[in-house]
Amino acid sequence: MENEKAFYEKLERRGVSRRDFMKYCTFLTAAMGLSSSFVPKVAEVFAAPAQRPPVIWLHFGECTGCSEAVLRSQYPYPDDLVLEILSLEYHETIMAAAGQQAEDQLHAAAKKYEGKFICVVEGAIATKYDGGYGKIGGRTFLEIGKEICTKAAGVICIGSCSSFGNIQAAAPNPGGYKGVGEALGIKTVNIAGCPPNPVNFVGTVVNYLLLGKLPALDDLGRPLFAYGKSIHDQCPRRAHFENDEFVEVFGSEEAAAGYCLYKVGCRGPETYNNCPIAKFNDGTSWPIEAGAPCIGCSEPAFWDKFTPFYEEL
C-alpha cells in the first residue's frame, strides 16, 4: 500500500491525475486483448509491482531509435520502468558504466541471473565472415548473442532490426545481417516496427508480469494483440478505398480531404500492426493520420519488398 500511495503521489507531482493514469491502463488492457476486469491488475503492475525481473538489454546493428521511443513513453515513465518495474542490469545507452566496467557488469549479470533474466535485443546481427561486420569491445555481435541470449529465460527483440534484420539486411547485405532469431537459431518475441510503438513493448512486459508468460504470437513471432490485424483493416480511411477515392498527388485536394493513400504507396494492406489504434507520441497521431502512407516497417524485408516507398505496388 505504501508503494502504491507513493506512486500516485509521484504522478500527481508530475501533473498526471489518477483518472488519466487509469485511462491509460484501460487503453493498455484493451490493446493487450484482455477484459476490463484486468484494468485494476494492470494498474497494480505499475503502482505496486510484485516482482522486478532482471533485464539485460543488448545493442547490435541499429540506430538506438527503439530505446529512444521507449524512453519517451509517458507511462511508465523511464525512471519507473528502469528503477521500479524492471531490474535493468545492462543497457549501453543509459547505464553509467563504460568500457571494461560495462563489460564486467554484462558478464556478472548474465552469470548471476542465468536462466532467469529477460534479454531485450535492439539491432541486427552480422553473420558473414564470422560476424566480422559488427563488434563491441572486440567481440562480434554474433559472439555476444550466442553467449548472452542463450542464457536468458526469454528474448524480446525490439524493433525490426533485431526482429528481421531491417535495413542492415537489405540487398546486397554484404555483412550477412539477420534478425536475432534467425542468426542464433532461437525463438524470440518480435516487437517489430521502425521504431515500434512503446505500447507494444510495455504491453508485452505487462503481460509477462501479470500472467507470468509472454503473449500469444503470430507465425512471425509478433504479439497477436498488437500485430493480429492489418493496417488496412483498421484504417480510418478504409471507406475511401472501398469508394475508389484516392490521393494520387501529395498536396492535392484529395489529400486535403483525407482520401486513401494507396496510390501514393501505402503498404497498409500488406502490413500488420496496431498503429491506427495505439498511434504514436502518447496517442497523438500516426503516419496516415498525418498524410503519409504506411511504408510497412513492421514486415520482414520491407526495404526490399516495398521500395520505392511512394509508388503504388
C-alpha atoms as a PDB file:
ATOM      1  CA  MET A   1       0.000   0.000   0.000  1.00  0.00           C
ATOM      2  CA  GLU A   2       2.838   2.402   0.819  1.00  0.00           C
ATOM      3  CA  ASN A   3       4.457   1.806  -2.574  1.00  0.00           C
ATOM      4  CA  GLU A   4       1.134   2.340  -4.319  1.00  0.00           C
ATOM      5  CA  LYS A   5       0.486   5.556  -2.391  1.00  0.00           C
ATOM      6  CA  ALA A   6       3.960   6.854  -3.232  1.00  0.00           C
ATOM      7  CA  PHE A   7       3.406   6.014  -6.900  1.00  0.00           C
ATOM      8  CA  TYR A   8       0.209   8.054  -7.150  1.00  0.00           C
ATOM      9  CA  GLU A   9       1.813  10.937  -5.266  1.00  0.00           C
ATOM     10  CA  LYS A  10       4.648  10.886  -7.811  1.00  0.00           C
ATOM     11  CA  LEU A  11       2.138  11.010 -10.673  1.00  0.00           C
ATOM     12  CA  GLU A  12       0.402  13.959  -9.048  1.00  0.00           C
ATOM     13  CA  ARG A  13       3.691  15.850  -8.745  1.00  0.00           C
ATOM     14  CA  ARG A  14       4.157  15.334 -12.481  1.00  0.00           C
ATOM     15  CA  GLY A  15       0.737  16.761 -13.214  1.00  0.00           C
ATOM     16  CA  VAL A  16      -0.877  13.401 -14.016  1.00  0.00           C
ATOM     17  CA  SER A  17      -4.172  12.644 -12.313  1.00  0.00           C
ATOM     18  CA  ARG A  18      -5.173   9.205 -11.115  1.00  0.00           C
ATOM     19  CA  ARG A  19      -8.044   9.369 -13.605  1.00  0.00           C
ATOM     20  CA  ASP A  20      -5.648   9.918 -16.533  1.00  0.00           C
ATOM     21  CA  PHE A  21      -3.453   7.060 -15.353  1.00  0.00           C
ATOM     22  CA  MET A  22      -6.438   4.709 -15.136  1.00  0.00           C
ATOM     23  CA  LYS A  23      -7.478   5.765 -18.651  1.00  0.00           C
ATOM     24  CA  TYR A  24      -4.051   4.686 -19.869  1.00  0.00           C
ATOM     25  CA  CYS A  25      -4.337   1.355 -18.026  1.00  0.00           C
ATOM     26  CA  THR A  26      -7.774   0.819 -19.588  1.00  0.00           C
ATOM     27  CA  PHE A  27      -6.344   1.520 -23.049  1.00  0.00           C
ATOM     28  CA  LEU A  28      -3.346  -0.773 -22.462  1.00  0.00           C
ATOM     29  CA  THR A  29      -5.593  -3.562 -21.170  1.00  0.00           C
ATOM     30  CA  ALA A  30      -7.767  -3.297 -24.282  1.00  0.00           C
ATOM     31  CA  ALA A  31      -4.697  -3.167 -26.537  1.00  0.00           C
ATOM     32  CA  MET A  32      -3.461  -6.397 -24.923  1.00  0.00           C
ATOM     33  CA  GLY A  33      -6.777  -8.081 -25.689  1.00  0.00           C
ATOM     34  CA  LEU A  34      -7.716  -8.544 -22.017  1.00  0.00           C
ATOM     35  CA  SER A  35     -11.136  -7.977 -20.476  1.00  0.00           C
ATOM     36  CA  SER A  36     -11.908  -4.836 -18.481  1.00  0.00           C
ATOM     37  CA  SER A  37     -11.684  -6.857 -15.257  1.00  0.00           C
ATOM     38  CA  PHE A  38      -7.887  -6.791 -15.673  1.00  0.00           C
ATOM     39  CA  VAL A  39      -7.644  -2.979 -15.542  1.00  0.00           C
ATOM     40  CA  PRO A  40      -7.007  -2.808 -11.742  1.00  0.00           C
ATOM     41  CA  LYS A  41      -4.397  -5.563 -12.050  1.00  0.00           C
ATOM     42  CA  VAL A  42      -2.619  -3.754 -14.893  1.00  0.00           C
ATOM     43  CA  ALA A  43      -2.590  -0.583 -12.778  1.00  0.00           C
ATOM     44  CA  GLU A  44      -1.096  -2.577  -9.910  1.00  0.00           C
ATOM     45  CA  VAL A  45       1.788  -3.750 -12.110  1.00  0.00           C
ATOM     46  CA  PHE A  46       2.863  -0.102 -12.381  1.00  0.00           C
ATOM     47  CA  ALA A  47       1.840   1.124  -8.926  1.00  0.00           C
ATOM     48  CA  ALA A  48       2.967  -1.817  -6.786  1.00  0.00           C
ATOM     49  CA  PRO A  49       4.888  -4.404  -8.845  1.00  0.00           C
ATOM     50  CA  ALA A  50       5.149  -7.770  -7.112  1.00  0.00           C
ATOM     51  CA  GLN A  51       8.330  -8.691  -8.973  1.00  0.00           C
ATOM     52  CA  ARG A  52      11.150  -6.916 -10.788  1.00  0.00           C
ATOM     53  CA  PRO A  53      12.538  -9.313 -13.395  1.00  0.00           C
ATOM     54  CA  PRO A  54      16.202  -8.750 -14.275  1.00  0.00           C
ATOM     55  CA  VAL A  55      16.711  -7.424 -17.809  1.00  0.00           C
ATOM     56  CA  ILE A  56      19.824  -7.347 -19.972  1.00  0.00           C
ATOM     57  CA  TRP A  57      19.332  -5.012 -22.951  1.00  0.00           C
ATOM     58  CA  LEU A  58      21.766  -5.574 -25.821  1.00  0.00           C
ATOM     59  CA  HIS A  59      22.529  -3.259 -28.741  1.00  0.00           C
ATOM     60  CA  PHE A  60      23.747  -4.613 -32.063  1.00  0.00           C
ATOM     61  CA  GLY A  61      23.374  -3.150 -35.581  1.00  0.00           C
ATOM     62  CA  GLU A  62      20.817  -0.356 -35.088  1.00  0.00           C
ATOM     63  CA  CYS A  63      20.295   3.390 -34.561  1.00  0.00           C
ATOM     64  CA  THR A  64      19.051   3.319 -30.919  1.00  0.00           C
ATOM     65  CA  GLY A  65      15.701   4.681 -32.128  1.00  0.00           C
ATOM     66  CA  CYS A  66      13.838   1.881 -30.349  1.00  0.00           C
ATOM     67  CA  SER A  67      15.396   2.795 -26.994  1.00  0.00           C
ATOM     68  CA  GLU A  68      14.597   6.433 -27.699  1.00  0.00           C
ATOM     69  CA  ALA A  69      10.957   5.551 -28.395  1.00  0.00           C
ATOM     70  CA  VAL A  70      10.623   3.659 -25.094  1.00  0.00           C
ATOM     71  CA  LEU A  71      12.437   6.383 -23.144  1.00  0.00           C
ATOM     72  CA  ARG A  72       9.917   8.911 -24.427  1.00  0.00           C
ATOM     73  CA  SER A  73       6.855   6.915 -23.444  1.00  0.00           C
ATOM     74  CA  GLN A  74       4.517   8.594 -20.966  1.00  0.00           C
ATOM     75  CA  TYR A  75       3.557   5.527 -18.923  1.00  0.00           C
ATOM     76  CA  PRO A  76       5.519   4.065 -17.399  1.00  0.00           C
ATOM     77  CA  TYR A  77       7.965   6.920 -17.084  1.00  0.00           C
ATOM     78  CA  PRO A  78      11.516   5.807 -17.960  1.00  0.00           C
ATOM     79  CA  ASP A  79      12.734   6.052 -14.364  1.00  0.00           C
ATOM     80  CA  ASP A  80       9.780   3.948 -13.182  1.00  0.00           C
ATOM     81  CA  LEU A  81      10.449   1.364 -15.885  1.00  0.00           C
ATOM     82  CA  VAL A  82      14.149   1.173 -15.013  1.00  0.00           C
ATOM     83  CA  LEU A  83      14.056   1.505 -11.239  1.00  0.00           C
ATOM     84  CA  GLU A  84      10.707   0.113 -10.117  1.00  0.00           C
ATOM     85  CA  ILE A  85       9.128  -2.218 -12.691  1.00  0.00           C
ATOM     86  CA  LEU A  86      12.202  -3.862 -14.226  1.00  0.00           C
ATOM     87  CA  SER A  87      15.642  -4.508 -12.787  1.00  0.00           C
ATOM     88  CA  LEU A  88      17.681  -3.217 -15.713  1.00  0.00           C
ATOM     89  CA  GLU A  89      21.124  -4.754 -15.289  1.00  0.00           C
ATOM     90  CA  TYR A  90      22.704  -3.625 -18.561  1.00  0.00           C
ATOM     91  CA  HIS A  91      21.797  -1.039 -21.206  1.00  0.00           C
ATOM     92  CA  GLU A  92      24.621   0.688 -23.060  1.00  0.00           C
ATOM     93  CA  THR A  93      22.669   3.876 -23.794  1.00  0.00           C
ATOM     94  CA  ILE A  94      21.598   4.798 -20.270  1.00  0.00           C
ATOM     95  CA  MET A  95      23.998   2.987 -17.915  1.00  0.00           C
ATOM     96  CA  ALA A  96      26.663   4.972 -16.099  1.00  0.00           C
ATOM     97  CA  ALA A  97      29.393   2.385 -16.606  1.00  0.00           C
ATOM     98  CA  ALA A  98      31.566   2.388 -19.728  1.00  0.00           C
ATOM     99  CA  GLY A  99      34.414   0.380 -21.229  1.00  0.00           C
ATOM    100  CA  GLN A 100      35.657  -2.597 -19.235  1.00  0.00           C
ATOM    101  CA  GLN A 101      33.415  -1.733 -16.302  1.00  0.00           C
ATOM    102  CA  ALA A 102      30.365  -2.105 -18.556  1.00  0.00           C
ATOM    103  CA  GLU A 103      31.671  -5.400 -19.959  1.00  0.00           C
ATOM    104  CA  ASP A 104      32.203  -6.718 -16.435  1.00  0.00           C
ATOM    105  CA  GLN A 105      28.637  -5.783 -15.493  1.00  0.00           C
ATOM    106  CA  LEU A 106      27.249  -7.624 -18.521  1.00  0.00           C
ATOM    107  CA  HIS A 107      29.064 -10.851 -17.674  1.00  0.00           C
ATOM    108  CA  ALA A 108      28.288 -10.600 -13.957  1.00  0.00           C
ATOM    109  CA  ALA A 109      24.571 -10.088 -14.606  1.00  0.00           C
ATOM    110  CA  ALA A 110      24.381 -12.945 -17.123  1.00  0.00           C
ATOM    111  CA  LYS A 111      26.087 -15.274 -14.645  1.00  0.00           C
ATOM    112  CA  LYS A 112      24.072 -14.175 -11.606  1.00  0.00           C
ATOM    113  CA  TYR A 113      20.667 -14.392 -13.312  1.00  0.00           C
ATOM    114  CA  GLU A 114      21.311 -17.223 -15.778  1.00  0.00           C
ATOM    115  CA  GLY A 115      18.021 -18.770 -16.848  1.00  0.00           C
ATOM    116  CA  LYS A 116      16.034 -16.046 -15.075  1.00  0.00           C
ATOM    117  CA  PHE A 117      16.652 -12.778 -16.923  1.00  0.00           C
ATOM    118  CA  ILE A 118      14.796 -11.318 -19.895  1.00  0.00           C
ATOM    119  CA  CYS A 119      17.105 -10.370 -22.739  1.00  0.00           C
ATOM    120  CA  VAL A 120      15.899  -7.422 -24.813  1.00  0.00           C
ATOM    121  CA  VAL A 121      17.794  -7.054 -28.079  1.00  0.00           C
ATOM    122  CA  GLU A 122      17.907  -3.966 -30.263  1.00  0.00           C
ATOM    123  CA  GLY A 123      19.651  -4.359 -33.617  1.00  0.00           C
ATOM    124  CA  ALA A 124      20.517  -6.951 -36.254  1.00  0.00           C
ATOM    125  CA  ILE A 125      23.422  -9.412 -36.136  1.00  0.00           C
ATOM    126  CA  ALA A 126      26.092  -9.698 -38.841  1.00  0.00           C
ATOM    127  CA  THR A 127      26.752 -13.345 -39.745  1.00  0.00           C
ATOM    128  CA  LYS A 128      29.203 -13.308 -42.682  1.00  0.00           C
ATOM    129  CA  TYR A 129      32.958 -13.535 -42.088  1.00  0.00           C
ATOM    130  CA  ASP A 130      32.336 -14.936 -38.608  1.00  0.00           C
ATOM    131  CA  GLY A 131      30.284 -11.855 -37.753  1.00  0.00           C
ATOM    132  CA  GLY A 132      33.170  -9.504 -38.505  1.00  0.00           C
ATOM    133  CA  TYR A 133      30.944  -6.667 -39.750  1.00  0.00           C
ATOM    134  CA  GLY A 134      29.763  -5.791 -36.240  1.00  0.00           C
ATOM    135  CA  LYS A 135      31.728  -5.713 -32.982  1.00  0.00           C
ATOM    136  CA  ILE A 136      31.522  -4.329 -29.442  1.00  0.00           C
ATOM    137  CA  GLY A 137      34.520  -4.420 -27.140  1.00  0.00           C
ATOM    138  CA  GLY A 138      36.476  -6.539 -29.610  1.00  0.00           C
ATOM    139  CA  ARG A 139      33.789  -9.242 -29.798  1.00  0.00           C
ATOM    140  CA  THR A 140      31.313  -9.738 -32.623  1.00  0.00           C
ATOM    141  CA  PHE A 141      27.573  -9.297 -32.220  1.00  0.00           C
ATOM    142  CA  LEU A 142      27.328 -12.987 -33.082  1.00  0.00           C
ATOM    143  CA  GLU A 143      29.615 -14.000 -30.209  1.00  0.00           C
ATOM    144  CA  ILE A 144      27.816 -11.795 -27.706  1.00  0.00           C
ATOM    145  CA  GLY A 145      24.407 -13.020 -28.844  1.00  0.00           C
ATOM    146  CA  LYS A 146      25.398 -16.676 -28.556  1.00  0.00           C
ATOM    147  CA  GLU A 147      26.793 -16.095 -25.075  1.00  0.00           C
ATOM    148  CA  ILE A 148      24.033 -13.928 -23.586  1.00  0.00           C
ATOM    149  CA  CYS A 149      20.779 -14.702 -25.420  1.00  0.00           C
ATOM    150  CA  THR A 150      21.096 -18.444 -24.912  1.00  0.00           C
ATOM    151  CA  LYS A 151      21.234 -17.931 -21.126  1.00  0.00           C
ATOM    152  CA  ALA A 152      18.019 -15.881 -20.964  1.00  0.00           C
ATOM    153  CA  ALA A 153      14.590 -17.045 -19.826  1.00  0.00           C
ATOM    154  CA  GLY A 154      13.208 -15.288 -22.897  1.00  0.00           C
ATOM    155  CA  VAL A 155      14.399 -12.977 -25.663  1.00  0.00           C
ATOM    156  CA  ILE A 156      12.402  -9.922 -26.748  1.00  0.00           C
ATOM    157  CA  CYS A 157      13.515  -8.292 -29.993  1.00  0.00           C
ATOM    158  CA  ILE A 158      12.548  -4.640 -30.015  1.00  0.00           C
ATOM    159  CA  GLY A 159      12.369  -3.093 -33.471  1.00  0.00           C
ATOM    160  CA  SER A 160      12.553  -4.503 -36.980  1.00  0.00           C
ATOM    161  CA  CYS A 161      16.370  -4.653 -36.941  1.00  0.00           C
ATOM    162  CA  SER A 162      16.562  -7.306 -34.237  1.00  0.00           C
ATOM    163  CA  SER A 163      13.293  -8.908 -35.364  1.00  0.00           C
ATOM    164  CA  PHE A 164      14.022  -9.313 -39.080  1.00  0.00           C
ATOM    165  CA  GLY A 165      17.296  -7.559 -39.981  1.00  0.00           C
ATOM    166  CA  ASN A 166      15.692  -4.347 -41.336  1.00  0.00           C
ATOM    167  CA  ILE A 167      17.829  -2.005 -43.477  1.00  0.00           C
ATOM    168  CA  GLN A 168      21.072  -3.745 -42.463  1.00  0.00           C
ATOM    169  CA  ALA A 169      19.729  -6.899 -44.120  1.00  0.00           C
ATOM    170  CA  ALA A 170      18.555  -5.105 -47.279  1.00  0.00           C
ATOM    171  CA  ALA A 171      20.196  -6.077 -50.572  1.00  0.00           C
ATOM    172  CA  PRO A 172      23.070  -6.514 -51.172  1.00  0.00           C
ATOM    173  CA  ASN A 173      23.650  -7.104 -47.427  1.00  0.00           C
ATOM    174  CA  PRO A 174      27.433  -7.647 -47.552  1.00  0.00           C
ATOM    175  CA  GLY A 175      27.627  -8.323 -43.809  1.00  0.00           C
ATOM    176  CA  GLY A 176      25.015 -11.064 -43.866  1.00  0.00           C
ATOM    177  CA  TYR A 177      22.862  -9.252 -41.328  1.00  0.00           C
ATOM    178  CA  LYS A 178      19.894 -11.166 -39.927  1.00  0.00           C
ATOM    179  CA  GLY A 179      17.326 -10.861 -37.189  1.00  0.00           C
ATOM    180  CA  VAL A 180      18.348 -12.311 -33.825  1.00  0.00           C
ATOM    181  CA  GLY A 181      16.143 -15.394 -34.031  1.00  0.00           C
ATOM    182  CA  GLU A 182      17.434 -16.355 -37.470  1.00  0.00           C
ATOM    183  CA  ALA A 183      21.062 -15.531 -36.690  1.00  0.00           C
ATOM    184  CA  LEU A 184      21.144 -17.527 -33.444  1.00  0.00           C
ATOM    185  CA  GLY A 185      18.559 -20.193 -34.237  1.00  0.00           C
ATOM    186  CA  ILE A 186      16.404 -19.340 -31.219  1.00  0.00           C
ATOM    187  CA  LYS A 187      12.776 -18.398 -30.613  1.00  0.00           C
ATOM    188  CA  THR A 188      12.201 -14.696 -29.987  1.00  0.00           C
ATOM    189  CA  VAL A 189       9.287 -12.368 -29.303  1.00  0.00           C
ATOM    190  CA  ASN A 190       9.428  -9.770 -32.072  1.00  0.00           C
ATOM    191  CA  ILE A 191       8.185  -6.243 -31.342  1.00  0.00           C
ATOM    192  CA  ALA A 192       8.549  -5.158 -34.962  1.00  0.00           C
ATOM    193  CA  GLY A 193       8.479  -1.587 -36.261  1.00  0.00           C
ATOM    194  CA  CYS A 194      10.932   1.154 -37.152  1.00  0.00           C
ATOM    195  CA  PRO A 195      10.594   2.185 -34.419  1.00  0.00           C
ATOM    196  CA  PRO A 196       7.918   0.065 -32.751  1.00  0.00           C
ATOM    197  CA  ASN A 197       5.225   1.678 -30.668  1.00  0.00           C
ATOM    198  CA  PRO A 198       6.285   1.711 -26.982  1.00  0.00           C
ATOM    199  CA  VAL A 199       2.769   0.483 -26.138  1.00  0.00           C
ATOM    200  CA  ASN A 200       3.575  -2.854 -27.786  1.00  0.00           C
ATOM    201  CA  PHE A 201       6.767  -3.296 -25.776  1.00  0.00           C
ATOM    202  CA  VAL A 202       5.174  -2.187 -22.499  1.00  0.00           C
ATOM    203  CA  GLY A 203       2.163  -4.423 -23.188  1.00  0.00           C
ATOM    204  CA  THR A 204       4.462  -7.417 -23.677  1.00  0.00           C
ATOM    205  CA  VAL A 205       6.276  -6.685 -20.403  1.00  0.00           C
ATOM    206  CA  VAL A 206       2.993  -6.167 -18.517  1.00  0.00           C
ATOM    207  CA  ASN A 207       1.652  -9.446 -19.945  1.00  0.00           C
ATOM    208  CA  TYR A 208       4.718 -11.205 -18.521  1.00  0.00           C
ATOM    209  CA  LEU A 209       4.431  -9.541 -15.109  1.00  0.00           C
ATOM    210  CA  LEU A 210       0.673 -10.021 -14.908  1.00  0.00           C
ATOM    211  CA  LEU A 211       0.246 -13.537 -16.273  1.00  0.00           C
ATOM    212  CA  GLY A 212       3.737 -14.972 -15.816  1.00  0.00           C
ATOM    213  CA  LYS A 213       4.170 -15.667 -19.514  1.00  0.00           C
ATOM    214  CA  LEU A 214       4.865 -13.915 -22.780  1.00  0.00           C
ATOM    215  CA  PRO A 215       1.856 -13.132 -25.022  1.00  0.00           C
ATOM    216  CA  ALA A 216       0.489 -15.295 -27.833  1.00  0.00           C
ATOM    217  CA  LEU A 217       2.435 -14.799 -31.068  1.00  0.00           C
ATOM    218  CA  ASP A 218       1.764 -14.872 -34.802  1.00  0.00           C
ATOM    219  CA  ASP A 219       3.801 -17.007 -37.204  1.00  0.00           C
ATOM    220  CA  LEU A 220       6.492 -14.285 -37.317  1.00  0.00           C
ATOM    221  CA  GLY A 221       6.891 -14.194 -33.536  1.00  0.00           C
ATOM    222  CA  ARG A 222       4.966 -10.934 -33.091  1.00  0.00           C
ATOM    223  CA  PRO A 223       2.422 -10.493 -30.251  1.00  0.00           C
ATOM    224  CA  LEU A 224      -1.043 -11.076 -31.658  1.00  0.00           C
ATOM    225  CA  PHE A 225      -2.542  -8.337 -29.502  1.00  0.00           C
ATOM    226  CA  ALA A 226      -0.515  -5.785 -31.493  1.00  0.00           C
ATOM    227  CA  TYR A 227       0.068  -7.438 -34.875  1.00  0.00           C
ATOM    228  CA  GLY A 228      -3.047  -9.543 -35.349  1.00  0.00           C
ATOM    229  CA  LYS A 229      -4.772  -7.223 -37.842  1.00  0.00           C
ATOM    230  CA  SER A 230      -3.626  -5.352 -40.923  1.00  0.00           C
ATOM    231  CA  ILE A 231      -3.263  -1.582 -41.022  1.00  0.00           C
ATOM    232  CA  HIS A 232      -5.758  -1.631 -43.904  1.00  0.00           C
ATOM    233  CA  ASP A 233      -8.482  -3.349 -41.873  1.00  0.00           C
ATOM    234  CA  GLN A 234      -8.161  -0.808 -39.040  1.00  0.00           C
ATOM    235  CA  CYS A 235      -7.558   2.305 -41.147  1.00  0.00           C
ATOM    236  CA  PRO A 236      -9.997   5.222 -40.744  1.00  0.00           C
ATOM    237  CA  ARG A 237      -9.534   5.901 -44.496  1.00  0.00           C
ATOM    238  CA  ARG A 238     -10.750   2.411 -45.446  1.00  0.00           C
ATOM    239  CA  ALA A 239     -14.121   3.735 -46.651  1.00  0.00           C
ATOM    240  CA  HIS A 240     -12.333   5.913 -49.214  1.00  0.00           C
ATOM    241  CA  PHE A 241     -10.524   2.818 -50.515  1.00  0.00           C
ATOM    242  CA  GLU A 242     -13.833   0.995 -50.953  1.00  0.00           C
ATOM    243  CA  ASN A 243     -15.285   4.024 -52.778  1.00  0.00           C
ATOM    244  CA  ASP A 244     -12.274   4.350 -55.123  1.00  0.00           C
ATOM    245  CA  GLU A 245     -11.384   7.729 -53.619  1.00  0.00           C
ATOM    246  CA  PHE A 246      -7.598   8.004 -53.775  1.00  0.00           C
ATOM    247  CA  VAL A 247      -4.832  10.542 -53.334  1.00  0.00           C
ATOM    248  CA  GLU A 248      -2.701  10.474 -56.486  1.00  0.00           C
ATOM    249  CA  VAL A 249      -0.617  13.601 -55.855  1.00  0.00           C
ATOM    250  CA  PHE A 250       0.604  14.882 -52.490  1.00  0.00           C
ATOM    251  CA  GLY A 251      -0.745  18.346 -51.694  1.00  0.00           C
ATOM    252  CA  SER A 252      -3.850  17.840 -53.826  1.00  0.00           C
ATOM    253  CA  GLU A 253      -7.475  18.475 -52.880  1.00  0.00           C
ATOM    254  CA  GLU A 254      -7.896  14.721 -52.420  1.00  0.00           C
ATOM    255  CA  ALA A 255      -5.023  14.703 -49.936  1.00  0.00           C
ATOM    256  CA  ALA A 256      -6.593  17.583 -48.014  1.00  0.00           C
ATOM    257  CA  ALA A 257      -9.891  15.680 -47.962  1.00  0.00           C
ATOM    258  CA  GLY A 258      -8.216  12.666 -46.338  1.00  0.00           C
ATOM    259  CA  TYR A 259      -8.670  10.217 -49.211  1.00  0.00           C
ATOM    260  CA  CYS A 260      -6.978   6.802 -49.313  1.00  0.00           C
ATOM    261  CA  LEU A 261      -3.187   6.849 -49.807  1.00  0.00           C
ATOM    262  CA  TYR A 262      -2.882   3.505 -51.608  1.00  0.00           C
ATOM    263  CA  LYS A 263      -1.937   5.030 -54.976  1.00  0.00           C
ATOM    264  CA  VAL A 264       0.876   7.067 -53.415  1.00  0.00           C
ATOM    265  CA  GLY A 265       2.481   3.991 -51.937  1.00  0.00           C
ATOM    266  CA  CYS A 266       0.567   3.000 -48.807  1.00  0.00           C
ATOM    267  CA  ARG A 267       1.516  -0.546 -47.758  1.00  0.00           C
ATOM    268  CA  GLY A 268      -1.314  -0.843 -45.229  1.00  0.00           C
ATOM    269  CA  PRO A 269      -2.943  -3.861 -46.930  1.00  0.00           C
ATOM    270  CA  GLU A 270       0.303  -5.866 -46.562  1.00  0.00           C
ATOM    271  CA  THR A 271       1.263  -4.601 -43.088  1.00  0.00           C
ATOM    272  CA  TYR A 272       0.180  -5.921 -39.701  1.00  0.00           C
ATOM    273  CA  ASN A 273       0.357  -3.537 -36.741  1.00  0.00           C
ATOM    274  CA  ASN A 274      -1.899  -1.587 -34.379  1.00  0.00           C
ATOM    275  CA  CYS A 275      -0.753   1.909 -35.434  1.00  0.00           C
ATOM    276  CA  PRO A 276      -4.302   3.170 -36.170  1.00  0.00           C
ATOM    277  CA  ILE A 277      -5.362   2.250 -32.630  1.00  0.00           C
ATOM    278  CA  ALA A 278      -2.267   2.887 -30.486  1.00  0.00           C
ATOM    279  CA  LYS A 279      -0.879   5.804 -32.539  1.00  0.00           C
ATOM    280  CA  PHE A 280       2.401   7.493 -31.501  1.00  0.00           C
ATOM    281  CA  ASN A 281       3.525  10.296 -29.185  1.00  0.00           C
ATOM    282  CA  ASP A 282       1.141   9.199 -26.437  1.00  0.00           C
ATOM    283  CA  GLY A 283      -1.739   8.669 -28.848  1.00  0.00           C
ATOM    284  CA  THR A 284      -1.346  11.982 -30.683  1.00  0.00           C
ATOM    285  CA  SER A 285      -1.127  10.789 -34.287  1.00  0.00           C
ATOM    286  CA  TRP A 286       0.359   8.244 -36.700  1.00  0.00           C
ATOM    287  CA  PRO A 287       1.734   8.455 -40.268  1.00  0.00           C
ATOM    288  CA  ILE A 288      -1.513   8.010 -42.228  1.00  0.00           C
ATOM    289  CA  GLU A 289      -3.355  10.479 -39.990  1.00  0.00           C
ATOM    290  CA  ALA A 290      -0.573  12.964 -40.770  1.00  0.00           C
ATOM    291  CA  GLY A 291      -0.982  12.342 -44.508  1.00  0.00           C
ATOM    292  CA  ALA A 292       1.979   9.999 -45.054  1.00  0.00           C
ATOM    293  CA  PRO A 293       1.475   6.480 -46.443  1.00  0.00           C
ATOM    294  CA  CYS A 294       2.409   3.441 -44.383  1.00  0.00           C
ATOM    295  CA  ILE A 295       5.766   2.027 -45.557  1.00  0.00           C
ATOM    296  CA  GLY A 296       5.256  -1.402 -43.965  1.00  0.00           C
ATOM    297  CA  CYS A 297       8.050  -1.081 -41.407  1.00  0.00           C
ATOM    298  CA  SER A 298       6.826  -3.942 -39.198  1.00  0.00           C
ATOM    299  CA  GLU A 299       7.090  -6.503 -42.015  1.00  0.00           C
ATOM    300  CA  PRO A 300      10.143  -8.662 -42.818  1.00  0.00           C
ATOM    301  CA  ALA A 301      12.368  -7.399 -45.658  1.00  0.00           C
ATOM    302  CA  PHE A 302      10.219  -4.304 -46.158  1.00  0.00           C
ATOM    303  CA  TRP A 303      13.172  -2.354 -47.576  1.00  0.00           C
ATOM    304  CA  ASP A 304      13.421  -4.854 -50.420  1.00  0.00           C
ATOM    305  CA  LYS A 305       9.721  -5.684 -50.871  1.00  0.00           C
ATOM    306  CA  PHE A 306       8.138  -2.245 -50.548  1.00  0.00           C
ATOM    307  CA  THR A 307      10.594   0.205 -52.126  1.00  0.00           C
ATOM    308  CA  PRO A 308      10.342   2.662 -53.798  1.00  0.00           C
ATOM    309  CA  PHE A 309       8.039   3.726 -50.986  1.00  0.00           C
ATOM    310  CA  TYR A 310       5.868   6.375 -52.613  1.00  0.00           C
ATOM    311  CA  GLU A 311       4.750   4.358 -55.614  1.00  0.00           C
ATOM    312  CA  GLU A 312       1.759   2.033 -55.900  1.00  0.00           C
ATOM    313  CA  LEU A 313       2.665  -1.646 -55.653  1.00  0.00           C
END
